[in-house]
Amino acid sequence: MRRTRATTLLSAAALALTTAFIGPAGQAAHAAGTDQHGPDPTEDSIEAPRGPFDVEEDRVSSLVRGFGGGTIYSPTATDEGTFAAIAISPGYTASESSIAWFGPRLASQGFVVLTIDTDSRYDQPGSRAEQLNAALDYLTQDSDVADRIDPDRLGVAGHSMGGGGTLEAALENPDIDAAVPFAPWHTRKDFSGLTTPTFIIGGESDSVASVRRHSEPFYESIPDSTDKAYMELENANHFFPNSPDTTTAKYTLSWFKLFLDDDERYAQFLCPAPDDRDIAEYRDTCQY
């Protein structure tokens, strides 16, 4: 059943209970019955290349049905309950390696992440949407870490045509709870039926999927009743998601924490709009 924030917000009493459990280093520990993982976030912690959790990697064969294989990154912690799952697609002609850096970075913050290869490097956004959904099905039903995943908390992300696929997957699959398209490309411009919280990240100097023809129309087509944000990175070209980028990572992490883990501690980094010198433009439907 799809969650809404109205039904999942912690009560003041539950929040007090959560913060009452103190870990070894004086950090707030995970409390049973909540989806929050890790200590209270800071600017430094969301910018760090690695979070508080150790991560293990598992290869997924290219013979798997529905997508082209990939790598699962998951926290090794066994006392944290279940984790939300995220599937990430590369862009046109690109392989999994182009977006692989997101895997350990997000997993170390408390997510199970599958970075995928697509069936063909030339797959269009619609096909990539289907493959993202297949990857989520594999994670929650057939993977070796399925028992460590909460199947009711699912996210998708992707670059370029993978970003277009991210938008389409979220539009078609009501079980997806958060989406982050990076420099998305799609011939479709109308996503007015999208109800999934969506954070679009574009590059100011993108000449492949220019923000005027892609990211901005996508964002504007999503209704204001849907939680959404648009971030345009200053001077960034189309390929900014293909190497570790602190600005992209910190706000992607915050979006997934807020809308997959219902972790209100991360709202501070998204609302009000961040004041970051690497951001050329930011739009949102705050308050979250």
C-alpha atoms as a PDB file:
ATOM      1  CA  MET A   1       0.000   0.000   0.000  1.00  0.00           C
ATOM      2  CA  ARG A   2       1.347   3.411  -0.938  1.00  0.00           C
ATOM      3  CA  ARG A   3       2.298   5.618   1.966  1.00  0.00           C
ATOM      4  CA  THR A   4       1.547   9.290   2.401  1.00  0.00           C
ATOM      5  CA  ARG A   5       3.543  11.578   4.622  1.00  0.00           C
ATOM      6  CA  ALA A   6       0.388  12.477   6.513  1.00  0.00           C
ATOM      7  CA  THR A   7       0.075   8.887   7.725  1.00  0.00           C
ATOM      8  CA  THR A   8       3.761   8.264   8.403  1.00  0.00           C
ATOM      9  CA  LEU A   9       4.966  11.361  10.244  1.00  0.00           C
ATOM     10  CA  LEU A  10       6.315  10.502  13.672  1.00  0.00           C
ATOM     11  CA  SER A  11       4.382  11.820  16.618  1.00  0.00           C
ATOM     12  CA  ALA A  12       6.167  14.041  19.076  1.00  0.00           C
ATOM     13  CA  ALA A  13       6.210  11.182  21.562  1.00  0.00           C
ATOM     14  CA  ALA A  14       7.728   8.752  19.060  1.00  0.00           C
ATOM     15  CA  LEU A  15      10.341  11.308  18.065  1.00  0.00           C
ATOM     16  CA  ALA A  16      11.264  11.818  21.689  1.00  0.00           C
ATOM     17  CA  LEU A  17      11.594   8.059  22.070  1.00  0.00           C
ATOM     18  CA  THR A  18      13.829   7.885  19.011  1.00  0.00           C
ATOM     19  CA  THR A  19      16.230  10.511  20.276  1.00  0.00           C
ATOM     20  CA  ALA A  20      16.302   8.973  23.736  1.00  0.00           C
ATOM     21  CA  PHE A  21      18.386   6.023  22.532  1.00  0.00           C
ATOM     22  CA  ILE A  22      22.019   7.090  22.534  1.00  0.00           C
ATOM     23  CA  GLY A  23      24.758   5.174  20.739  1.00  0.00           C
ATOM     24  CA  PRO A  24      28.381   4.513  21.716  1.00  0.00           C
ATOM     25  CA  ALA A  25      29.672   7.867  20.538  1.00  0.00           C
ATOM     26  CA  GLY A  26      26.798   9.889  21.953  1.00  0.00           C
ATOM     27  CA  GLN A  27      24.916   9.590  18.678  1.00  0.00           C
ATOM     28  CA  ALA A  28      21.187   8.942  18.407  1.00  0.00           C
ATOM     29  CA  ALA A  29      20.733   5.265  17.592  1.00  0.00           C
ATOM     30  CA  HIS A  30      18.125   3.531  15.460  1.00  0.00           C
ATOM     31  CA  ALA A  31      14.917   3.020  17.442  1.00  0.00           C
ATOM     32  CA  ALA A  32      12.733  -0.007  16.834  1.00  0.00           C
ATOM     33  CA  GLY A  33       9.581   0.779  14.870  1.00  0.00           C
ATOM     34  CA  THR A  34      11.027   3.699  12.895  1.00  0.00           C
ATOM     35  CA  ASP A  35      12.563   3.877   9.437  1.00  0.00           C
ATOM     36  CA  GLN A  36      15.353   6.253  10.418  1.00  0.00           C
ATOM     37  CA  HIS A  37      18.925   5.003  10.201  1.00  0.00           C
ATOM     38  CA  GLY A  38      22.139   6.581  11.414  1.00  0.00           C
ATOM     39  CA  PRO A  39      23.050   9.517  13.638  1.00  0.00           C
ATOM     40  CA  ASP A  40      21.604  13.000  13.388  1.00  0.00           C
ATOM     41  CA  PRO A  41      22.749  14.465  10.055  1.00  0.00           C
ATOM     42  CA  THR A  42      24.993  17.487   9.657  1.00  0.00           C
ATOM     43  CA  GLU A  43      26.278  19.385   6.642  1.00  0.00           C
ATOM     44  CA  ASP A  44      29.534  17.463   6.974  1.00  0.00           C
ATOM     45  CA  SER A  45      27.824  14.073   7.204  1.00  0.00           C
ATOM     46  CA  ILE A  46      25.701  14.517   4.076  1.00  0.00           C
ATOM     47  CA  GLU A  47      28.739  15.739   2.134  1.00  0.00           C
ATOM     48  CA  ALA A  48      30.949  12.851   3.248  1.00  0.00           C
ATOM     49  CA  PRO A  49      31.913  10.267   0.594  1.00  0.00           C
ATOM     50  CA  ARG A  50      30.859   7.536   3.031  1.00  0.00           C
ATOM     51  CA  GLY A  51      28.232   7.356   5.751  1.00  0.00           C
ATOM     52  CA  PRO A  52      28.142   5.479   9.068  1.00  0.00           C
ATOM     53  CA  PHE A  53      27.452   1.978   7.670  1.00  0.00           C
ATOM     54  CA  ASP A  54      29.891  -0.572   6.302  1.00  0.00           C
ATOM     55  CA  VAL A  55      28.830  -1.789   2.853  1.00  0.00           C
ATOM     56  CA  GLU A  56      29.034  -5.117   1.047  1.00  0.00           C
ATOM     57  CA  GLU A  57      28.799  -5.628  -2.712  1.00  0.00           C
ATOM     58  CA  ASP A  58      27.139  -8.436  -4.683  1.00  0.00           C
ATOM     59  CA  ARG A  59      27.246  -8.837  -8.431  1.00  0.00           C
ATOM     60  CA  VAL A  60      24.019  -9.548 -10.292  1.00  0.00           C
ATOM     61  CA  SER A  61      24.441 -11.663 -13.421  1.00  0.00           C
ATOM     62  CA  SER A  62      23.653 -10.209 -16.831  1.00  0.00           C
ATOM     63  CA  LEU A  63      21.512 -13.318 -17.351  1.00  0.00           C
ATOM     64  CA  VAL A  64      18.972 -12.093 -14.803  1.00  0.00           C
ATOM     65  CA  ARG A  65      15.548 -11.490 -16.280  1.00  0.00           C
ATOM     66  CA  GLY A  66      14.292  -7.958 -16.881  1.00  0.00           C
ATOM     67  CA  PHE A  67      17.513  -5.903 -16.903  1.00  0.00           C
ATOM     68  CA  GLY A  68      21.169  -6.304 -17.758  1.00  0.00           C
ATOM     69  CA  GLY A  69      22.614  -7.213 -14.385  1.00  0.00           C
ATOM     70  CA  GLY A  70      24.485  -4.900 -12.051  1.00  0.00           C
ATOM     71  CA  THR A  71      25.770  -4.517  -8.512  1.00  0.00           C
ATOM     72  CA  ILE A  72      23.922  -4.524  -5.193  1.00  0.00           C
ATOM     73  CA  TYR A  73      25.356  -2.362  -2.420  1.00  0.00           C
ATOM     74  CA  SER A  74      23.903  -2.984   1.020  1.00  0.00           C
ATOM     75  CA  PRO A  75      24.681  -2.039   4.624  1.00  0.00           C
ATOM     76  CA  THR A  76      26.183  -4.916   6.612  1.00  0.00           C
ATOM     77  CA  ALA A  77      24.385  -3.864   9.823  1.00  0.00           C
ATOM     78  CA  THR A  78      22.065  -6.575  11.132  1.00  0.00           C
ATOM     79  CA  ASP A  79      20.512  -4.646  14.029  1.00  0.00           C
ATOM     80  CA  GLU A  80      18.969  -1.769  12.067  1.00  0.00           C
ATOM     81  CA  GLY A  81      15.774  -3.378  10.846  1.00  0.00           C
ATOM     82  CA  THR A  82      14.971  -3.181   7.151  1.00  0.00           C
ATOM     83  CA  PHE A  83      16.189  -0.651   4.601  1.00  0.00           C
ATOM     84  CA  ALA A  84      14.588   1.134   1.654  1.00  0.00           C
ATOM     85  CA  ALA A  85      15.671  -0.033  -1.816  1.00  0.00           C
ATOM     86  CA  ILE A  86      16.850   2.145  -4.709  1.00  0.00           C
ATOM     87  CA  ALA A  87      17.476   1.147  -8.350  1.00  0.00           C
ATOM     88  CA  ILE A  88      19.650   3.405 -10.550  1.00  0.00           C
ATOM     89  CA  SER A  89      19.954   3.362 -14.362  1.00  0.00           C
ATOM     90  CA  PRO A  90      22.775   4.712 -16.544  1.00  0.00           C
ATOM     91  CA  GLY A  91      22.178   6.821 -19.633  1.00  0.00           C
ATOM     92  CA  TYR A  92      22.169   6.196 -23.383  1.00  0.00           C
ATOM     93  CA  THR A  93      25.234   4.201 -24.555  1.00  0.00           C
ATOM     94  CA  ALA A  94      26.589   4.198 -20.980  1.00  0.00           C
ATOM     95  CA  SER A  95      27.264   1.233 -18.711  1.00  0.00           C
ATOM     96  CA  GLU A  96      26.649   0.690 -15.021  1.00  0.00           C
ATOM     97  CA  SER A  97      30.166   1.953 -14.264  1.00  0.00           C
ATOM     98  CA  SER A  98      29.072   5.499 -15.175  1.00  0.00           C
ATOM     99  CA  ILE A  99      26.722   5.679 -12.177  1.00  0.00           C
ATOM    100  CA  ALA A 100      28.315   3.079  -9.896  1.00  0.00           C
ATOM    101  CA  TRP A 101      29.671   5.689  -7.456  1.00  0.00           C
ATOM    102  CA  PHE A 102      26.147   6.322  -6.183  1.00  0.00           C
ATOM    103  CA  GLY A 103      25.931   2.731  -4.928  1.00  0.00           C
ATOM    104  CA  PRO A 104      28.347   2.689  -1.991  1.00  0.00           C
ATOM    105  CA  ARG A 105      27.723   6.346  -1.215  1.00  0.00           C
ATOM    106  CA  LEU A 106      23.990   5.878  -0.664  1.00  0.00           C
ATOM    107  CA  ALA A 107      24.280   2.383   0.830  1.00  0.00           C
ATOM    108  CA  SER A 108      26.693   3.627   3.485  1.00  0.00           C
ATOM    109  CA  GLN A 109      23.947   6.033   4.587  1.00  0.00           C
ATOM    110  CA  GLY A 110      21.394   3.261   5.081  1.00  0.00           C
ATOM    111  CA  PHE A 111      19.889   2.115   1.747  1.00  0.00           C
ATOM    112  CA  VAL A 112      20.085  -1.025  -0.378  1.00  0.00           C
ATOM    113  CA  VAL A 113      21.117   0.155  -3.840  1.00  0.00           C
ATOM    114  CA  LEU A 114      21.191  -1.658  -7.185  1.00  0.00           C
ATOM    115  CA  THR A 115      23.091   0.093  -9.973  1.00  0.00           C
ATOM    116  CA  ILE A 116      22.118  -1.624 -13.197  1.00  0.00           C
ATOM    117  CA  ASP A 117      23.338  -2.290 -16.680  1.00  0.00           C
ATOM    118  CA  THR A 118      20.549  -2.118 -19.234  1.00  0.00           C
ATOM    119  CA  ASP A 119      19.730  -4.884 -21.719  1.00  0.00           C
ATOM    120  CA  SER A 120      21.155  -2.698 -24.463  1.00  0.00           C
ATOM    121  CA  ARG A 121      23.139   0.501 -24.229  1.00  0.00           C
ATOM    122  CA  TYR A 122      20.694   1.953 -26.762  1.00  0.00           C
ATOM    123  CA  ASP A 123      17.525   1.316 -24.750  1.00  0.00           C
ATOM    124  CA  GLN A 124      15.081   4.219 -24.763  1.00  0.00           C
ATOM    125  CA  PRO A 125      13.499   5.752 -21.624  1.00  0.00           C
ATOM    126  CA  GLY A 126      10.433   3.502 -21.739  1.00  0.00           C
ATOM    127  CA  SER A 127      12.583   0.400 -21.730  1.00  0.00           C
ATOM    128  CA  ARG A 128      14.761   1.798 -18.957  1.00  0.00           C
ATOM    129  CA  ALA A 129      11.621   2.437 -16.897  1.00  0.00           C
ATOM    130  CA  GLU A 130      10.633  -1.210 -17.272  1.00  0.00           C
ATOM    131  CA  GLN A 131      14.136  -2.295 -16.295  1.00  0.00           C
ATOM    132  CA  LEU A 132      14.176  -0.083 -13.198  1.00  0.00           C
ATOM    133  CA  ASN A 133      10.919  -1.682 -12.105  1.00  0.00           C
ATOM    134  CA  ALA A 134      12.344  -5.138 -12.828  1.00  0.00           C
ATOM    135  CA  ALA A 135      15.414  -4.267 -10.753  1.00  0.00           C
ATOM    136  CA  LEU A 136      13.213  -3.291  -7.809  1.00  0.00           C
ATOM    137  CA  ASP A 137      11.301  -6.562  -8.160  1.00  0.00           C
ATOM    138  CA  TYR A 138      14.580  -8.480  -8.169  1.00  0.00           C
ATOM    139  CA  LEU A 139      15.830  -6.649  -5.078  1.00  0.00           C
ATOM    140  CA  THR A 140      12.692  -7.242  -3.054  1.00  0.00           C
ATOM    141  CA  GLN A 141      11.855 -10.781  -4.226  1.00  0.00           C
ATOM    142  CA  ASP A 142      14.893 -12.660  -5.524  1.00  0.00           C
ATOM    143  CA  SER A 143      18.093 -11.040  -4.269  1.00  0.00           C
ATOM    144  CA  ASP A 144      20.199 -12.426  -1.432  1.00  0.00           C
ATOM    145  CA  VAL A 145      19.371  -9.302   0.599  1.00  0.00           C
ATOM    146  CA  ALA A 146      15.602  -9.351   0.024  1.00  0.00           C
ATOM    147  CA  ASP A 147      14.943 -10.076   3.697  1.00  0.00           C
ATOM    148  CA  ARG A 148      16.770  -6.878   4.638  1.00  0.00           C
ATOM    149  CA  ILE A 149      14.581  -4.663   2.423  1.00  0.00           C
ATOM    150  CA  ASP A 150      11.261  -3.007   3.208  1.00  0.00           C
ATOM    151  CA  PRO A 151       9.300  -3.594  -0.046  1.00  0.00           C
ATOM    152  CA  ASP A 152       7.000  -0.689   0.810  1.00  0.00           C
ATOM    153  CA  ARG A 153       9.848   1.847   0.498  1.00  0.00           C
ATOM    154  CA  LEU A 154      11.182   1.989  -3.051  1.00  0.00           C
ATOM    155  CA  GLY A 155      13.120   4.641  -4.967  1.00  0.00           C
ATOM    156  CA  VAL A 156      14.505   5.105  -8.473  1.00  0.00           C
ATOM    157  CA  ALA A 157      17.133   7.308 -10.055  1.00  0.00           C
ATOM    158  CA  GLY A 158      18.885   7.516 -13.392  1.00  0.00           C
ATOM    159  CA  HIS A 159      20.963   9.593 -15.760  1.00  0.00           C
ATOM    160  CA  SER A 160      19.922  11.010 -19.152  1.00  0.00           C
ATOM    161  CA  MET A 161      17.618   8.433 -20.785  1.00  0.00           C
ATOM    162  CA  GLY A 162      17.866   6.668 -17.439  1.00  0.00           C
ATOM    163  CA  GLY A 163      16.538   9.902 -15.940  1.00  0.00           C
ATOM    164  CA  GLY A 164      13.679   9.885 -18.435  1.00  0.00           C
ATOM    165  CA  GLY A 165      13.117   6.264 -17.488  1.00  0.00           C
ATOM    166  CA  THR A 166      13.087   7.303 -13.833  1.00  0.00           C
ATOM    167  CA  LEU A 167      10.247   9.744 -14.495  1.00  0.00           C
ATOM    168  CA  GLU A 168       8.314   7.158 -16.499  1.00  0.00           C
ATOM    169  CA  ALA A 169       8.844   4.407 -13.926  1.00  0.00           C
ATOM    170  CA  ALA A 170       7.542   6.656 -11.147  1.00  0.00           C
ATOM    171  CA  LEU A 171       4.572   7.652 -13.284  1.00  0.00           C
ATOM    172  CA  GLU A 172       3.622   4.050 -14.047  1.00  0.00           C
ATOM    173  CA  ASN A 173       4.447   2.330 -10.765  1.00  0.00           C
ATOM    174  CA  PRO A 174       2.491   3.637  -7.754  1.00  0.00           C
ATOM    175  CA  ASP A 175       4.706   1.596  -5.422  1.00  0.00           C
ATOM    176  CA  ILE A 176       7.659   3.918  -6.071  1.00  0.00           C
ATOM    177  CA  ASP A 177       7.930   6.445  -3.242  1.00  0.00           C
ATOM    178  CA  ALA A 178      10.727   8.760  -4.449  1.00  0.00           C
ATOM    179  CA  ALA A 179      12.462   9.562  -7.742  1.00  0.00           C
ATOM    180  CA  VAL A 180      15.629  11.494  -8.618  1.00  0.00           C
ATOM    181  CA  PRO A 181      16.291  11.974 -12.367  1.00  0.00           C
ATOM    182  CA  PHE A 182      19.750  13.331 -13.248  1.00  0.00           C
ATOM    183  CA  ALA A 183      19.950  15.409 -16.469  1.00  0.00           C
ATOM    184  CA  PRO A 184      16.843  13.562 -17.681  1.00  0.00           C
ATOM    185  CA  TRP A 185      16.083  13.106 -21.397  1.00  0.00           C
ATOM    186  CA  HIS A 186      12.692  12.085 -22.766  1.00  0.00           C
ATOM    187  CA  THR A 187      10.580  12.886 -25.810  1.00  0.00           C
ATOM    188  CA  ARG A 188       7.576  12.990 -23.490  1.00  0.00           C
ATOM    189  CA  LYS A 189       7.187  16.353 -21.753  1.00  0.00           C
ATOM    190  CA  ASP A 190       3.953  15.888 -19.810  1.00  0.00           C
ATOM    191  CA  PHE A 191       4.218  14.231 -16.410  1.00  0.00           C
ATOM    192  CA  SER A 192       1.100  15.834 -14.973  1.00  0.00           C
ATOM    193  CA  GLY A 193      -0.044  12.468 -13.638  1.00  0.00           C
ATOM    194  CA  LEU A 194       3.041  12.039 -11.461  1.00  0.00           C
ATOM    195  CA  THR A 195       2.303  11.852  -7.731  1.00  0.00           C
ATOM    196  CA  THR A 196       5.654  10.443  -6.574  1.00  0.00           C
ATOM    197  CA  PRO A 197       7.941  12.929  -4.765  1.00  0.00           C
ATOM    198  CA  THR A 198      10.419  13.857  -7.506  1.00  0.00           C
ATOM    199  CA  PHE A 199      13.686  15.793  -7.389  1.00  0.00           C
ATOM    200  CA  ILE A 200      15.013  16.740 -10.835  1.00  0.00           C
ATOM    201  CA  ILE A 201      18.676  17.724 -11.126  1.00  0.00           C
ATOM    202  CA  GLY A 202      19.862  19.396 -14.348  1.00  0.00           C
ATOM    203  CA  GLY A 203      23.066  20.958 -15.618  1.00  0.00           C
ATOM    204  CA  GLU A 204      23.134  24.617 -16.613  1.00  0.00           C
ATOM    205  CA  SER A 205      25.492  23.946 -19.550  1.00  0.00           C
ATOM    206  CA  ASP A 206      23.937  20.672 -20.704  1.00  0.00           C
ATOM    207  CA  SER A 207      23.939  20.608 -24.522  1.00  0.00           C
ATOM    208  CA  VAL A 208      22.587  17.043 -24.812  1.00  0.00           C
ATOM    209  CA  ALA A 209      19.463  17.306 -22.642  1.00  0.00           C
ATOM    210  CA  SER A 210      19.228  21.049 -22.248  1.00  0.00           C
ATOM    211  CA  VAL A 211      17.325  22.134 -19.180  1.00  0.00           C
ATOM    212  CA  ARG A 212      15.040  24.335 -21.301  1.00  0.00           C
ATOM    213  CA  ARG A 213      13.819  21.375 -23.356  1.00  0.00           C
ATOM    214  CA  HIS A 214      13.947  18.667 -20.751  1.00  0.00           C
ATOM    215  CA  SER A 215      14.457  19.210 -16.996  1.00  0.00           C
ATOM    216  CA  GLU A 216      12.481  22.444 -16.725  1.00  0.00           C
ATOM    217  CA  PRO A 217       9.438  21.304 -18.760  1.00  0.00           C
ATOM    218  CA  PHE A 218       9.421  18.020 -16.838  1.00  0.00           C
ATOM    219  CA  TYR A 219       9.425  19.858 -13.528  1.00  0.00           C
ATOM    220  CA  GLU A 220       6.768  22.368 -14.553  1.00  0.00           C
ATOM    221  CA  SER A 221       4.476  19.604 -15.824  1.00  0.00           C
ATOM    222  CA  ILE A 222       4.442  17.840 -12.447  1.00  0.00           C
ATOM    223  CA  PRO A 223       1.523  19.226 -10.414  1.00  0.00           C
ATOM    224  CA  ASP A 224       2.271  21.444  -7.434  1.00  0.00           C
ATOM    225  CA  SER A 225       0.258  19.037  -5.304  1.00  0.00           C
ATOM    226  CA  THR A 226       3.160  16.593  -5.702  1.00  0.00           C
ATOM    227  CA  ASP A 227       6.251  17.115  -3.550  1.00  0.00           C
ATOM    228  CA  LYS A 228       8.877  18.188  -6.058  1.00  0.00           C
ATOM    229  CA  ALA A 229      12.095  20.149  -6.451  1.00  0.00           C
ATOM    230  CA  TYR A 230      14.298  21.283  -9.322  1.00  0.00           C
ATOM    231  CA  MET A 231      18.010  21.957  -8.936  1.00  0.00           C
ATOM    232  CA  GLU A 232      20.203  23.324 -11.726  1.00  0.00           C
ATOM    233  CA  LEU A 233      23.942  22.942 -11.202  1.00  0.00           C
ATOM    234  CA  GLU A 234      26.000  25.944 -12.213  1.00  0.00           C
ATOM    235  CA  ASN A 235      28.150  25.387 -15.328  1.00  0.00           C
ATOM    236  CA  ALA A 236      27.484  21.629 -15.218  1.00  0.00           C
ATOM    237  CA  ASN A 237      27.343  19.708 -18.499  1.00  0.00           C
ATOM    238  CA  HIS A 238      25.333  16.614 -19.333  1.00  0.00           C
ATOM    239  CA  PHE A 239      27.807  14.237 -17.755  1.00  0.00           C
ATOM    240  CA  PHE A 240      27.956  15.615 -14.213  1.00  0.00           C
ATOM    241  CA  PRO A 241      26.404  12.423 -12.734  1.00  0.00           C
ATOM    242  CA  ASN A 242      29.212  10.268 -14.151  1.00  0.00           C
ATOM    243  CA  SER A 243      31.747  11.160 -11.481  1.00  0.00           C
ATOM    244  CA  PRO A 244      31.441  11.755  -7.729  1.00  0.00           C
ATOM    245  CA  ASP A 245      29.799  15.118  -7.131  1.00  0.00           C
ATOM    246  CA  THR A 246      29.200  16.376  -3.612  1.00  0.00           C
ATOM    247  CA  THR A 247      26.330  18.727  -4.458  1.00  0.00           C
ATOM    248  CA  THR A 248      24.400  16.094  -6.398  1.00  0.00           C
ATOM    249  CA  ALA A 249      25.058  13.453  -3.725  1.00  0.00           C
ATOM    250  CA  LYS A 250      24.087  15.475  -0.652  1.00  0.00           C
ATOM    251  CA  TYR A 251      20.688  16.561  -1.956  1.00  0.00           C
ATOM    252  CA  THR A 252      19.928  13.193  -3.550  1.00  0.00           C
ATOM    253  CA  LEU A 253      20.653  11.592  -0.181  1.00  0.00           C
ATOM    254  CA  SER A 254      18.456  14.111   1.627  1.00  0.00           C
ATOM    255  CA  TRP A 255      15.556  13.546  -0.779  1.00  0.00           C
ATOM    256  CA  PHE A 256      15.678   9.786  -0.389  1.00  0.00           C
ATOM    257  CA  LYS A 257      16.047  10.048   3.387  1.00  0.00           C
ATOM    258  CA  LEU A 258      13.029  12.329   3.633  1.00  0.00           C
ATOM    259  CA  PHE A 259      10.698  10.448   1.301  1.00  0.00           C
ATOM    260  CA  LEU A 260      11.855   6.827   1.661  1.00  0.00           C
ATOM    261  CA  ASP A 261      12.725   6.799   5.367  1.00  0.00           C
ATOM    262  CA  ASP A 262      10.246   9.506   6.395  1.00  0.00           C
ATOM    263  CA  ASP A 263      13.262  11.004   8.135  1.00  0.00           C
ATOM    264  CA  GLU A 264      12.314  14.585   8.961  1.00  0.00           C
ATOM    265  CA  ARG A 265      15.866  15.268  10.161  1.00  0.00           C
ATOM    266  CA  TYR A 266      16.855  15.754   6.498  1.00  0.00           C
ATOM    267  CA  ALA A 267      14.135  18.279   5.640  1.00  0.00           C
ATOM    268  CA  GLN A 268      16.434  21.079   6.819  1.00  0.00           C
ATOM    269  CA  PHE A 269      18.719  20.525   3.817  1.00  0.00           C
ATOM    270  CA  LEU A 270      15.893  20.862   1.284  1.00  0.00           C
ATOM    271  CA  CYS A 271      13.489  23.378   2.781  1.00  0.00           C
ATOM    272  CA  PRO A 272      13.933  26.299   2.676  1.00  0.00           C
ATOM    273  CA  ALA A 273      15.814  26.200  -0.618  1.00  0.00           C
ATOM    274  CA  PRO A 274      19.530  25.543  -0.067  1.00  0.00           C
ATOM    275  CA  ASP A 275      21.991  28.400  -0.397  1.00  0.00           C
ATOM    276  CA  ASP A 276      24.807  26.670  -2.264  1.00  0.00           C
ATOM    277  CA  ARG A 277      27.303  28.364  -4.568  1.00  0.00           C
ATOM    278  CA  ASP A 278      27.202  25.380  -6.949  1.00  0.00           C
ATOM    279  CA  ILE A 279      23.468  25.798  -7.568  1.00  0.00           C
ATOM    280  CA  ALA A 280      22.454  28.117 -10.411  1.00  0.00           C
ATOM    281  CA  GLU A 281      18.725  27.756  -9.780  1.00  0.00           C
ATOM    282  CA  TYR A 282      16.446  25.981  -7.311  1.00  0.00           C
ATOM    283  CA  ARG A 283      12.674  25.585  -7.330  1.00  0.00           C
ATOM    284  CA  ASP A 284      10.481  23.623  -4.931  1.00  0.00           C
ATOM    285  CA  THR A 285       7.062  23.094  -3.420  1.00  0.00           C
ATOM    286  CA  CYS A 286       8.298  23.509   0.147  1.00  0.00           C
ATOM    287  CA  GLN A 287       7.043  22.893   2.897  1.00  0.00           C
ATOM    288  CA  TYR A 288       7.845  19.220   3.003  1.00  0.00           C
END
